[in-house]
């Protein structure tokens, strides 16, 4: 366990809870992506051997965080889903704080937030939320769960699904890897950007778009498929 004190707020990170929290967060994410999740899915996501994952599922089931039965899909309990959402809340608030208050680029914040999300101090993150003005999304456009673990999802569409002549606003990105975000930086693409679709190539679905000072930018289908937009 690591322990420190910041402005009378005691902050500690327990290594056991860190491991459990990583399992809960992974199970939450996989459930949203795939619907049904099995031990093998979780093993691949966490890069941990299946017997170890099975052992942890039994441990989390004993704590009423996971529904676990051999050879059946894994499910978070209501309690487990709330705890997972609150871990994600801490992660996304931290990312927003790093960008808005500390000047980090959106491509640099994930590994730092991975560490900070395991701090066990409600007042610490409530103060962070207050200083940020209670944001609803993180720097990548993903929704920030509220203090009760509730998430409000907005309906976006992929840029790849838009039609020629439409003008849309970039509101979120699906892929938040450092390489992809650096690619977007190199093209001066950021959240809030207004994009007009000028042409779509029938062969590979690449798009010719215009935005800001760029009048004829070509985006591959891979890129446009990872950008979430809303019509304006």
C-alpha atoms as a PDB file:
ATOM      1  CA  UNK A   1       0.000   0.000   0.000  1.00  0.00           C
ATOM      2  CA  UNK A   2       1.209   3.497  -0.893  1.00  0.00           C
ATOM      3  CA  UNK A   3       0.146   6.355   1.388  1.00  0.00           C
ATOM      4  CA  UNK A   4       0.484  10.122   1.102  1.00  0.00           C
ATOM      5  CA  UNK A   5      -1.302  13.266   2.287  1.00  0.00           C
ATOM      6  CA  UNK A   6      -2.235  16.235   0.085  1.00  0.00           C
ATOM      7  CA  UNK A   7      -3.869  19.275   1.695  1.00  0.00           C
ATOM      8  CA  UNK A   8      -5.270  17.207   4.561  1.00  0.00           C
ATOM      9  CA  UNK A   9      -6.644  14.590   2.138  1.00  0.00           C
ATOM     10  CA  UNK A  10      -5.259  11.116   2.784  1.00  0.00           C
ATOM     11  CA  UNK A  11      -4.556   9.286  -0.445  1.00  0.00           C
ATOM     12  CA  UNK A  12      -3.649   5.614  -0.618  1.00  0.00           C
ATOM     13  CA  UNK A  13      -3.341   2.932  -3.258  1.00  0.00           C
ATOM     14  CA  UNK A  14      -3.672  -0.720  -2.261  1.00  0.00           C
ATOM     15  CA  UNK A  15      -1.962  -3.117  -4.665  1.00  0.00           C
ATOM     16  CA  UNK A  16      -4.609  -5.819  -4.144  1.00  0.00           C
ATOM     17  CA  UNK A  17      -7.441  -3.425  -4.953  1.00  0.00           C
ATOM     18  CA  UNK A  18      -5.469  -2.159  -7.981  1.00  0.00           C
ATOM     19  CA  UNK A  19      -5.452  -5.649  -9.478  1.00  0.00           C
ATOM     20  CA  UNK A  20      -9.136  -6.193  -8.762  1.00  0.00           C
ATOM     21  CA  UNK A  21     -10.024  -2.799 -10.202  1.00  0.00           C
ATOM     22  CA  UNK A  22      -8.219  -3.606 -13.442  1.00  0.00           C
ATOM     23  CA  UNK A  23     -10.324  -6.766 -13.782  1.00  0.00           C
ATOM     24  CA  UNK A  24     -13.552  -4.881 -13.108  1.00  0.00           C
ATOM     25  CA  UNK A  25     -12.692  -2.158 -15.583  1.00  0.00           C
ATOM     26  CA  UNK A  26     -11.760  -4.669 -18.293  1.00  0.00           C
ATOM     27  CA  UNK A  27     -14.944  -6.659 -17.733  1.00  0.00           C
ATOM     28  CA  UNK A  28     -17.008  -3.446 -17.906  1.00  0.00           C
ATOM     29  CA  UNK A  29     -15.363  -2.400 -21.191  1.00  0.00           C
ATOM     30  CA  UNK A  30     -15.673  -5.844 -22.774  1.00  0.00           C
ATOM     31  CA  UNK A  31     -19.311  -6.071 -21.743  1.00  0.00           C
ATOM     32  CA  UNK A  32     -20.060  -2.781 -23.483  1.00  0.00           C
ATOM     33  CA  UNK A  33     -18.156  -3.875 -26.603  1.00  0.00           C
ATOM     34  CA  UNK A  34     -19.216  -7.505 -26.958  1.00  0.00           C
ATOM     35  CA  UNK A  35     -22.295  -8.036 -24.819  1.00  0.00           C
ATOM     36  CA  UNK A  36     -21.373 -11.520 -23.579  1.00  0.00           C
ATOM     37  CA  UNK A  37     -17.887 -11.994 -22.096  1.00  0.00           C
ATOM     38  CA  UNK A  38     -16.115 -15.213 -21.148  1.00  0.00           C
ATOM     39  CA  UNK A  39     -12.935 -15.985 -19.234  1.00  0.00           C
ATOM     40  CA  UNK A  40     -10.975 -16.342 -22.468  1.00  0.00           C
ATOM     41  CA  UNK A  41     -11.995 -12.822 -23.580  1.00  0.00           C
ATOM     42  CA  UNK A  42     -10.842 -11.393 -20.278  1.00  0.00           C
ATOM     43  CA  UNK A  43      -7.621 -13.398 -20.394  1.00  0.00           C
ATOM     44  CA  UNK A  44      -6.748 -11.989 -23.824  1.00  0.00           C
ATOM     45  CA  UNK A  45      -7.664  -8.408 -22.878  1.00  0.00           C
ATOM     46  CA  UNK A  46      -5.547  -8.433 -19.714  1.00  0.00           C
ATOM     47  CA  UNK A  47      -2.833 -10.723 -21.126  1.00  0.00           C
ATOM     48  CA  UNK A  48      -3.156 -12.949 -18.070  1.00  0.00           C
ATOM     49  CA  UNK A  49      -3.364 -16.757 -18.063  1.00  0.00           C
ATOM     50  CA  UNK A  50      -6.857 -18.224 -17.897  1.00  0.00           C
ATOM     51  CA  UNK A  51      -6.421 -20.107 -14.590  1.00  0.00           C
ATOM     52  CA  UNK A  52      -5.384 -16.832 -12.934  1.00  0.00           C
ATOM     53  CA  UNK A  53      -8.399 -15.054 -14.418  1.00  0.00           C
ATOM     54  CA  UNK A  54     -10.711 -17.842 -13.240  1.00  0.00           C
ATOM     55  CA  UNK A  55      -9.289 -17.599  -9.723  1.00  0.00           C
ATOM     56  CA  UNK A  56      -9.902 -13.837  -9.676  1.00  0.00           C
ATOM     57  CA  UNK A  57     -13.470 -14.261 -10.958  1.00  0.00           C
ATOM     58  CA  UNK A  58     -14.197 -16.590  -8.046  1.00  0.00           C
ATOM     59  CA  UNK A  59     -12.720 -14.048  -5.654  1.00  0.00           C
ATOM     60  CA  UNK A  60     -14.781 -11.201  -7.122  1.00  0.00           C
ATOM     61  CA  UNK A  61     -17.883 -13.389  -7.104  1.00  0.00           C
ATOM     62  CA  UNK A  62     -17.375 -13.974  -3.395  1.00  0.00           C
ATOM     63  CA  UNK A  63     -17.396 -10.189  -2.965  1.00  0.00           C
ATOM     64  CA  UNK A  64     -20.677  -9.946  -4.925  1.00  0.00           C
ATOM     65  CA  UNK A  65     -18.998  -8.011  -7.734  1.00  0.00           C
ATOM     66  CA  UNK A  66     -19.262 -10.603 -10.506  1.00  0.00           C
ATOM     67  CA  UNK A  67     -21.724 -13.318 -11.511  1.00  0.00           C
ATOM     68  CA  UNK A  68     -19.525 -16.334 -12.177  1.00  0.00           C
ATOM     69  CA  UNK A  69     -20.451 -19.897 -13.172  1.00  0.00           C
ATOM     70  CA  UNK A  70     -18.203 -22.343 -14.993  1.00  0.00           C
ATOM     71  CA  UNK A  71     -18.625 -22.288 -18.781  1.00  0.00           C
ATOM     72  CA  UNK A  72     -21.133 -19.433 -18.638  1.00  0.00           C
ATOM     73  CA  UNK A  73     -20.701 -15.767 -19.615  1.00  0.00           C
ATOM     74  CA  UNK A  74     -19.274 -13.428 -17.000  1.00  0.00           C
ATOM     75  CA  UNK A  75     -21.434 -10.568 -15.774  1.00  0.00           C
ATOM     76  CA  UNK A  76     -20.822  -7.733 -13.395  1.00  0.00           C
ATOM     77  CA  UNK A  77     -23.336  -7.478 -10.588  1.00  0.00           C
ATOM     78  CA  UNK A  78     -25.043  -4.130 -10.038  1.00  0.00           C
ATOM     79  CA  UNK A  79     -22.486  -3.459  -7.307  1.00  0.00           C
ATOM     80  CA  UNK A  80     -19.617  -4.516  -9.568  1.00  0.00           C
ATOM     81  CA  UNK A  81     -20.828  -2.393 -12.464  1.00  0.00           C
ATOM     82  CA  UNK A  82     -21.044   0.663 -10.214  1.00  0.00           C
ATOM     83  CA  UNK A  83     -17.538   0.111  -8.869  1.00  0.00           C
ATOM     84  CA  UNK A  84     -16.175  -0.318 -12.399  1.00  0.00           C
ATOM     85  CA  UNK A  85     -17.909   2.861 -13.556  1.00  0.00           C
ATOM     86  CA  UNK A  86     -16.426   4.804 -10.632  1.00  0.00           C
ATOM     87  CA  UNK A  87     -12.934   3.621 -11.574  1.00  0.00           C
ATOM     88  CA  UNK A  88     -13.584   4.849 -15.115  1.00  0.00           C
ATOM     89  CA  UNK A  89     -14.878   8.128 -13.661  1.00  0.00           C
ATOM     90  CA  UNK A  90     -11.567   8.654 -11.854  1.00  0.00           C
ATOM     91  CA  UNK A  91      -9.622   7.792 -14.993  1.00  0.00           C
ATOM     92  CA  UNK A  92     -11.525  10.179 -17.245  1.00  0.00           C
ATOM     93  CA  UNK A  93     -11.579  13.021 -14.732  1.00  0.00           C
ATOM     94  CA  UNK A  94      -7.820  12.647 -14.413  1.00  0.00           C
ATOM     95  CA  UNK A  95      -7.361  12.761 -18.183  1.00  0.00           C
ATOM     96  CA  UNK A  96      -9.470  15.919 -18.351  1.00  0.00           C
ATOM     97  CA  UNK A  97      -7.536  17.521 -15.504  1.00  0.00           C
ATOM     98  CA  UNK A  98      -4.202  16.720 -17.167  1.00  0.00           C
ATOM     99  CA  UNK A  99      -5.336  18.336 -20.416  1.00  0.00           C
ATOM    100  CA  UNK A 100      -7.321  21.309 -19.104  1.00  0.00           C
ATOM    101  CA  UNK A 101      -5.288  22.278 -16.045  1.00  0.00           C
ATOM    102  CA  UNK A 102      -1.812  20.919 -16.697  1.00  0.00           C
ATOM    103  CA  UNK A 103      -1.411  21.363 -20.442  1.00  0.00           C
ATOM    104  CA  UNK A 104      -0.842  17.745 -21.440  1.00  0.00           C
ATOM    105  CA  UNK A 105      -1.771  16.641 -24.945  1.00  0.00           C
ATOM    106  CA  UNK A 106      -4.719  14.276 -25.309  1.00  0.00           C
ATOM    107  CA  UNK A 107      -2.268  11.673 -26.615  1.00  0.00           C
ATOM    108  CA  UNK A 108      -0.198  11.657 -23.408  1.00  0.00           C
ATOM    109  CA  UNK A 109      -2.737  11.309 -20.609  1.00  0.00           C
ATOM    110  CA  UNK A 110      -3.841   7.661 -20.647  1.00  0.00           C
ATOM    111  CA  UNK A 111      -0.824   6.037 -18.932  1.00  0.00           C
ATOM    112  CA  UNK A 112      -0.832   8.686 -16.191  1.00  0.00           C
ATOM    113  CA  UNK A 113      -4.566   8.272 -15.591  1.00  0.00           C
ATOM    114  CA  UNK A 114      -4.052   4.491 -15.415  1.00  0.00           C
ATOM    115  CA  UNK A 115      -2.004   5.092 -12.275  1.00  0.00           C
ATOM    116  CA  UNK A 116      -4.090   7.868 -10.704  1.00  0.00           C
ATOM    117  CA  UNK A 117      -7.415   6.002 -11.113  1.00  0.00           C
ATOM    118  CA  UNK A 118      -6.468   3.634  -8.287  1.00  0.00           C
ATOM    119  CA  UNK A 119      -6.195   6.376  -5.655  1.00  0.00           C
ATOM    120  CA  UNK A 120      -8.744   5.649  -2.938  1.00  0.00           C
ATOM    121  CA  UNK A 121      -9.939   9.148  -2.027  1.00  0.00           C
ATOM    122  CA  UNK A 122     -13.420  10.373  -2.906  1.00  0.00           C
ATOM    123  CA  UNK A 123     -12.705  13.996  -1.823  1.00  0.00           C
ATOM    124  CA  UNK A 124      -9.648  14.092  -4.096  1.00  0.00           C
ATOM    125  CA  UNK A 125     -11.677  13.333  -7.225  1.00  0.00           C
ATOM    126  CA  UNK A 126     -14.665  15.415  -6.137  1.00  0.00           C
ATOM    127  CA  UNK A 127     -12.333  18.409  -5.865  1.00  0.00           C
ATOM    128  CA  UNK A 128     -10.889  17.603  -9.274  1.00  0.00           C
ATOM    129  CA  UNK A 129     -14.425  17.489 -10.714  1.00  0.00           C
ATOM    130  CA  UNK A 130     -15.234  20.846  -9.106  1.00  0.00           C
ATOM    131  CA  UNK A 131     -12.074  22.520 -10.420  1.00  0.00           C
ATOM    132  CA  UNK A 132     -12.915  21.314 -13.915  1.00  0.00           C
ATOM    133  CA  UNK A 133     -16.460  22.682 -13.753  1.00  0.00           C
ATOM    134  CA  UNK A 134     -18.122  19.243 -13.684  1.00  0.00           C
ATOM    135  CA  UNK A 135     -17.334  18.072 -17.249  1.00  0.00           C
ATOM    136  CA  UNK A 136     -19.560  15.489 -18.922  1.00  0.00           C
ATOM    137  CA  UNK A 137     -16.906  14.038 -21.247  1.00  0.00           C
ATOM    138  CA  UNK A 138     -13.166  13.416 -21.175  1.00  0.00           C
ATOM    139  CA  UNK A 139     -10.609  14.841 -23.665  1.00  0.00           C
ATOM    140  CA  UNK A 140     -11.474  12.085 -26.159  1.00  0.00           C
ATOM    141  CA  UNK A 141     -15.223  12.679 -25.966  1.00  0.00           C
ATOM    142  CA  UNK A 142     -16.010   9.630 -23.811  1.00  0.00           C
ATOM    143  CA  UNK A 143     -18.713  10.188 -21.161  1.00  0.00           C
ATOM    144  CA  UNK A 144     -17.596  10.646 -17.559  1.00  0.00           C
ATOM    145  CA  UNK A 145     -19.739   8.606 -15.133  1.00  0.00           C
ATOM    146  CA  UNK A 146     -21.278  10.687 -12.334  1.00  0.00           C
ATOM    147  CA  UNK A 147     -20.521  10.149  -8.641  1.00  0.00           C
ATOM    148  CA  UNK A 148     -23.131   7.375  -8.536  1.00  0.00           C
ATOM    149  CA  UNK A 149     -21.597   5.527 -11.479  1.00  0.00           C
ATOM    150  CA  UNK A 150     -24.353   6.550 -13.912  1.00  0.00           C
ATOM    151  CA  UNK A 151     -23.306   7.146 -17.512  1.00  0.00           C
ATOM    152  CA  UNK A 152     -25.162   9.310 -20.021  1.00  0.00           C
ATOM    153  CA  UNK A 153     -24.426   8.101 -23.558  1.00  0.00           C
ATOM    154  CA  UNK A 154     -24.916  10.453 -26.491  1.00  0.00           C
ATOM    155  CA  UNK A 155     -25.909   9.224 -29.917  1.00  0.00           C
ATOM    156  CA  UNK A 156     -23.145   9.893 -32.421  1.00  0.00           C
ATOM    157  CA  UNK A 157     -22.477   8.531 -35.866  1.00  0.00           C
ATOM    158  CA  UNK A 158     -19.193   7.627 -37.473  1.00  0.00           C
ATOM    159  CA  UNK A 159     -17.746  10.089 -39.946  1.00  0.00           C
ATOM    160  CA  UNK A 160     -17.488   7.132 -42.338  1.00  0.00           C
ATOM    161  CA  UNK A 161     -21.320   6.929 -42.339  1.00  0.00           C
ATOM    162  CA  UNK A 162     -21.818  10.540 -43.415  1.00  0.00           C
ATOM    163  CA  UNK A 163     -22.769  11.664 -46.912  1.00  0.00           C
ATOM    164  CA  UNK A 164     -21.224  14.059 -49.391  1.00  0.00           C
ATOM    165  CA  UNK A 165     -22.254  17.647 -48.688  1.00  0.00           C
ATOM    166  CA  UNK A 166     -22.875  17.170 -44.972  1.00  0.00           C
ATOM    167  CA  UNK A 167     -21.145  19.319 -42.370  1.00  0.00           C
ATOM    168  CA  UNK A 168     -20.599  17.716 -38.990  1.00  0.00           C
ATOM    169  CA  UNK A 169     -18.830  18.378 -35.698  1.00  0.00           C
ATOM    170  CA  UNK A 170     -16.211  15.986 -34.349  1.00  0.00           C
ATOM    171  CA  UNK A 171     -17.387  14.989 -30.863  1.00  0.00           C
ATOM    172  CA  UNK A 172     -15.418  11.866 -29.888  1.00  0.00           C
ATOM    173  CA  UNK A 173     -12.850   9.354 -31.059  1.00  0.00           C
ATOM    174  CA  UNK A 174     -13.238   5.590 -30.842  1.00  0.00           C
ATOM    175  CA  UNK A 175      -9.549   4.741 -30.815  1.00  0.00           C
ATOM    176  CA  UNK A 176      -7.453   6.587 -28.211  1.00  0.00           C
ATOM    177  CA  UNK A 177      -4.076   5.009 -28.900  1.00  0.00           C
ATOM    178  CA  UNK A 178      -1.130   7.367 -28.774  1.00  0.00           C
ATOM    179  CA  UNK A 179      -0.268   6.686 -32.429  1.00  0.00           C
ATOM    180  CA  UNK A 180      -3.771   7.492 -33.650  1.00  0.00           C
ATOM    181  CA  UNK A 181      -4.057  10.674 -31.579  1.00  0.00           C
ATOM    182  CA  UNK A 182      -0.653  11.833 -32.809  1.00  0.00           C
ATOM    183  CA  UNK A 183      -1.845  11.189 -36.356  1.00  0.00           C
ATOM    184  CA  UNK A 184      -4.885  13.398 -35.704  1.00  0.00           C
ATOM    185  CA  UNK A 185      -2.601  16.077 -34.260  1.00  0.00           C
ATOM    186  CA  UNK A 186      -0.513  16.012 -37.431  1.00  0.00           C
ATOM    187  CA  UNK A 187      -3.695  16.711 -39.423  1.00  0.00           C
ATOM    188  CA  UNK A 188      -4.869  19.398 -36.958  1.00  0.00           C
ATOM    189  CA  UNK A 189      -7.948  17.322 -36.129  1.00  0.00           C
ATOM    190  CA  UNK A 190      -9.456  17.869 -32.677  1.00  0.00           C
ATOM    191  CA  UNK A 191     -12.775  17.686 -30.847  1.00  0.00           C
ATOM    192  CA  UNK A 192     -15.205  20.439 -31.761  1.00  0.00           C
ATOM    193  CA  UNK A 193     -13.833  20.678 -35.295  1.00  0.00           C
ATOM    194  CA  UNK A 194     -16.389  21.344 -38.044  1.00  0.00           C
ATOM    195  CA  UNK A 195     -15.832  19.041 -41.009  1.00  0.00           C
ATOM    196  CA  UNK A 196     -17.459  19.188 -44.456  1.00  0.00           C
ATOM    197  CA  UNK A 197     -17.540  16.040 -46.577  1.00  0.00           C
ATOM    198  CA  UNK A 198     -16.651  16.983 -50.162  1.00  0.00           C
ATOM    199  CA  UNK A 199     -16.264  13.579 -51.803  1.00  0.00           C
ATOM    200  CA  UNK A 200     -16.170   9.867 -51.020  1.00  0.00           C
ATOM    201  CA  UNK A 201     -14.046   7.473 -53.089  1.00  0.00           C
ATOM    202  CA  UNK A 202     -16.167   4.474 -54.131  1.00  0.00           C
ATOM    203  CA  UNK A 203     -13.166   2.087 -54.257  1.00  0.00           C
ATOM    204  CA  UNK A 204     -11.822   2.397 -50.705  1.00  0.00           C
ATOM    205  CA  UNK A 205     -14.361   4.736 -49.044  1.00  0.00           C
ATOM    206  CA  UNK A 206     -11.672   7.332 -48.358  1.00  0.00           C
ATOM    207  CA  UNK A 207     -13.027  10.847 -47.892  1.00  0.00           C
ATOM    208  CA  UNK A 208     -12.065  14.253 -49.173  1.00  0.00           C
ATOM    209  CA  UNK A 209     -12.989  16.749 -46.458  1.00  0.00           C
ATOM    210  CA  UNK A 210     -12.447  20.374 -45.594  1.00  0.00           C
ATOM    211  CA  UNK A 211     -12.033  21.922 -42.155  1.00  0.00           C
ATOM    212  CA  UNK A 212     -10.364  24.995 -40.658  1.00  0.00           C
ATOM    213  CA  UNK A 213      -7.564  25.989 -43.076  1.00  0.00           C
ATOM    214  CA  UNK A 214      -7.478  22.624 -44.849  1.00  0.00           C
ATOM    215  CA  UNK A 215      -9.639  22.545 -47.967  1.00  0.00           C
ATOM    216  CA  UNK A 216      -8.799  19.173 -49.545  1.00  0.00           C
ATOM    217  CA  UNK A 217      -7.723  16.751 -46.832  1.00  0.00           C
ATOM    218  CA  UNK A 218      -7.947  13.034 -47.596  1.00  0.00           C
ATOM    219  CA  UNK A 219      -8.948  10.724 -44.727  1.00  0.00           C
ATOM    220  CA  UNK A 220      -8.778   6.964 -45.121  1.00  0.00           C
ATOM    221  CA  UNK A 221     -11.775   4.816 -44.243  1.00  0.00           C
ATOM    222  CA  UNK A 222      -9.833   3.483 -41.243  1.00  0.00           C
ATOM    223  CA  UNK A 223      -9.521   7.032 -39.893  1.00  0.00           C
ATOM    224  CA  UNK A 224     -13.068   8.201 -40.673  1.00  0.00           C
ATOM    225  CA  UNK A 225     -14.429   5.018 -39.084  1.00  0.00           C
ATOM    226  CA  UNK A 226     -12.805   5.991 -35.768  1.00  0.00           C
ATOM    227  CA  UNK A 227     -14.203   9.530 -35.634  1.00  0.00           C
ATOM    228  CA  UNK A 228     -17.606  10.117 -34.010  1.00  0.00           C
ATOM    229  CA  UNK A 229     -19.550  13.142 -35.148  1.00  0.00           C
ATOM    230  CA  UNK A 230     -22.865  14.919 -34.785  1.00  0.00           C
ATOM    231  CA  UNK A 231     -24.697  16.923 -37.394  1.00  0.00           C
ATOM    232  CA  UNK A 232     -24.827  20.707 -37.083  1.00  0.00           C
END
